Amino acid sequence: MRLNIEPEAVNRVHIAGEWIDIEPGSFRIAAFTFNSLPQDAVDQGGDPGFEFTSRRDRTIVSGPLSSIIAVQRKAEPLIPQEPIERLATLFQTRGGALVDEAVHFAHAGRPFQVEFDARGWVCSSRGNDSYSEVYSAGTRPEELVSQIMGDLKVLYGQGL
């Protein structure tokens, strides 16, 4: 497994028991060398290193990459905003509306909601039924609506 951390996304670095807030986009990884070294040492490329600008005092901090204990970066939102908004639009004909990061709609007189969580897209009933179905996180909104409505029609009939 690879974490694939984008250096420009790093906003805090843990070095020598201390978390350091850094200027956005300032974290870089490159060979760690000193310009005053003899030419043959510079030609060897140096060890993997890092550099960033500290937010506290605006100093540039450089060092060997191995001295970093951890990095912190802002998490991506759990809900892919664009698809959930598109989903709300597609469900509008069924009274669909985006409410608290979930799309609420009705089918066959029953209330349902679709939301995104760690499992993927989840369609569940909001009434007395205990219906819940998980759909792949990568499903496009148009396909998702088709799959959900197909499943609901099988269970509850054609009704709006």
Protein backbone atom coordinates (compact mmCIF):
# COMPACT_ATOMS: atom_id res chain seq x y z
CA MET A 1 0.00 0.00 0.00
CA ARG A 2 1.17 3.55 -0.74
CA LEU A 3 -0.15 6.66 0.98
CA ASN A 4 0.63 8.96 -1.98
CA ILE A 5 0.95 12.14 0.05
CA GLU A 6 1.07 15.31 -2.03
CA PRO A 7 3.83 17.49 -0.50
CA GLU A 8 1.91 20.71 -1.21
CA ALA A 9 -1.03 19.40 0.88
CA VAL A 10 1.07 19.03 4.06
CA ASN A 11 0.16 21.65 6.70
CA ARG A 12 1.94 20.30 9.81
CA VAL A 13 5.14 18.32 10.36
CA HIS A 14 6.13 16.32 13.46
CA ILE A 15 9.87 16.58 14.15
CA ALA A 16 11.72 15.81 17.40
CA GLY A 17 8.54 15.52 19.48
CA GLU A 18 6.99 18.77 18.23
CA TRP A 19 4.26 19.53 15.70
CA ILE A 20 5.21 22.48 13.49
CA ASP A 21 2.57 24.42 11.53
CA ILE A 22 3.87 25.25 8.08
CA GLU A 23 3.01 27.76 5.39
CA PRO A 24 0.56 26.26 2.87
CA GLY A 25 2.32 24.79 -0.16
CA SER A 26 5.83 25.28 1.26
CA PHE A 27 6.67 21.61 2.00
CA ARG A 28 9.14 20.19 -0.53
CA ILE A 29 11.17 17.00 -0.83
CA ALA A 30 14.56 17.01 -2.56
CA ALA A 31 18.14 15.90 -2.06
CA PHE A 32 19.55 17.23 1.24
CA THR A 33 22.93 18.80 0.45
CA PHE A 34 24.99 21.83 1.41
CA ASN A 35 26.41 24.13 -1.26
CA SER A 36 29.73 24.47 0.58
CA LEU A 37 30.56 20.74 0.29
CA PRO A 38 33.36 19.66 -2.01
CA GLN A 39 32.15 19.17 -5.59
CA ASP A 40 32.48 15.36 -5.47
CA ALA A 41 30.12 15.22 -2.45
CA VAL A 42 27.54 17.44 -4.20
CA ASP A 43 27.71 15.29 -7.33
CA GLN A 44 26.60 12.27 -5.28
CA GLY A 45 23.15 13.88 -4.91
CA GLY A 46 22.79 13.86 -1.14
CA ASP A 47 20.30 12.03 1.05
CA PRO A 48 16.51 12.47 0.72
CA GLY A 49 15.58 15.69 2.47
CA PHE A 50 12.78 18.16 3.09
CA GLU A 51 12.26 21.89 3.35
CA PHE A 52 9.34 24.04 4.51
CA THR A 53 8.56 27.49 5.88
CA SER A 54 7.43 27.61 9.52
CA ARG A 55 4.22 29.59 10.12
CA ARG A 56 5.32 30.62 13.61
CA ASP A 57 8.43 32.60 12.69
CA ARG A 58 8.57 32.36 8.87
CA THR A 59 11.94 30.56 8.99
CA ILE A 60 12.91 27.96 6.42
CA VAL A 61 13.48 24.55 7.99
CA SER A 62 15.50 21.92 6.08
CA GLY A 63 16.73 18.48 7.10
CA PRO A 64 16.99 14.80 6.29
CA LEU A 65 13.65 13.21 5.44
CA SER A 66 14.31 10.49 8.03
CA SER A 67 13.96 13.08 10.84
CA ILE A 68 10.25 13.54 10.14
CA ILE A 69 8.06 11.40 12.41
CA ALA A 70 4.72 12.27 10.75
CA VAL A 71 3.01 14.80 8.51
CA GLN A 72 -0.51 16.13 8.71
CA ARG A 73 -2.68 17.34 5.85
CA LYS A 74 -6.26 18.45 5.45
CA ALA A 75 -8.59 15.53 4.78
CA GLU A 76 -10.68 15.51 1.66
CA PRO A 77 -14.38 15.90 2.40
CA LEU A 78 -16.08 12.55 2.90
CA ILE A 79 -18.95 13.54 0.64
CA PRO A 80 -18.05 14.15 -2.98
CA GLN A 81 -19.93 17.45 -3.20
CA GLU A 82 -20.53 17.56 -6.92
CA PRO A 83 -22.09 14.05 -7.21
CA ILE A 84 -24.42 14.56 -4.21
CA GLU A 85 -25.69 17.83 -5.72
CA ARG A 86 -26.23 16.11 -9.08
CA LEU A 87 -28.05 13.30 -7.28
CA ALA A 88 -30.39 15.82 -5.62
CA THR A 89 -31.18 17.31 -9.04
CA LEU A 90 -31.93 13.86 -10.50
CA PHE A 91 -34.27 13.02 -7.62
CA GLN A 92 -36.17 16.35 -7.86
CA THR A 93 -38.96 14.70 -9.86
CA ARG A 94 -39.54 12.50 -6.82
CA GLY A 95 -39.55 15.44 -4.40
CA GLY A 96 -35.81 15.06 -3.86
CA ALA A 97 -33.96 17.66 -1.86
CA LEU A 98 -30.49 17.94 -0.39
CA VAL A 99 -30.85 18.01 3.41
CA ASP A 100 -27.93 17.69 5.84
CA GLU A 101 -25.61 16.09 3.26
CA ALA A 102 -28.21 13.50 2.20
CA VAL A 103 -30.73 13.45 -0.63
CA HIS A 104 -34.27 12.92 0.66
CA PHE A 105 -36.93 11.63 -1.74
CA ALA A 106 -40.10 9.55 -1.80
CA HIS A 107 -41.11 6.38 -3.67
CA ALA A 108 -44.45 4.59 -3.39
CA GLY A 109 -45.43 6.89 -0.54
CA ARG A 110 -42.36 5.97 1.50
CA PRO A 111 -39.55 8.38 2.49
CA PHE A 112 -35.97 7.46 1.59
CA GLN A 113 -32.57 9.08 1.73
CA VAL A 114 -29.29 8.59 -0.08
CA GLU A 115 -26.03 9.58 1.56
CA PHE A 116 -22.33 8.92 1.13
CA ASP A 117 -20.30 7.27 3.89
CA ALA A 118 -17.20 5.10 4.26
CA ARG A 119 -19.02 2.13 2.66
CA GLY A 120 -20.10 4.08 -0.45
CA TRP A 121 -23.55 5.38 -1.43
CA VAL A 122 -26.22 4.21 1.02
CA CYS A 123 -29.95 4.33 0.27
CA SER A 124 -32.13 3.78 3.32
CA SER A 125 -35.72 4.25 4.38
CA ARG A 126 -36.60 7.09 6.71
CA GLY A 127 -39.91 5.64 7.88
CA ASN A 128 -40.91 2.46 9.68
CA ASP A 129 -39.28 0.23 7.05
CA SER A 130 -35.78 -0.99 7.73
CA TYR A 131 -34.58 -0.82 4.12
CA SER A 132 -30.88 -0.11 3.54
CA GLU A 133 -28.78 -0.85 0.48
CA VAL A 134 -25.12 0.04 -0.21
CA TYR A 135 -23.95 1.00 -3.72
CA SER A 136 -20.42 1.38 -5.04
CA ALA A 137 -18.71 4.69 -4.19
CA GLY A 138 -17.60 5.05 -7.81
CA THR A 139 -21.09 4.86 -9.29
CA ARG A 140 -22.02 7.91 -11.36
CA PRO A 141 -25.15 9.76 -10.13
CA GLU A 142 -27.22 8.86 -13.22
CA GLU A 143 -26.39 5.15 -12.83
CA LEU A 144 -26.99 5.33 -9.09
CA VAL A 145 -30.51 6.71 -9.54
CA SER A 146 -31.28 3.98 -12.07
CA GLN A 147 -29.98 1.25 -9.72
CA ILE A 148 -31.80 2.64 -6.68
CA MET A 149 -35.11 3.09 -8.51
CA GLY A 150 -34.83 -0.39 -10.02
CA ASP A 151 -34.33 -1.90 -6.57
CA LEU A 152 -37.17 0.13 -5.02
CA LYS A 153 -39.59 -0.77 -7.84
CA VAL A 154 -38.90 -4.47 -7.26
CA LEU A 155 -39.56 -4.09 -3.53
CA TYR A 156 -42.33 -1.46 -3.42
CA GLY A 157 -43.81 -1.31 -6.92
CA GLN A 158 -43.91 1.48 -9.51
CA GLY A 159 -45.46 4.25 -7.41
CA LEU A 160 -44.09 7.73 -7.08
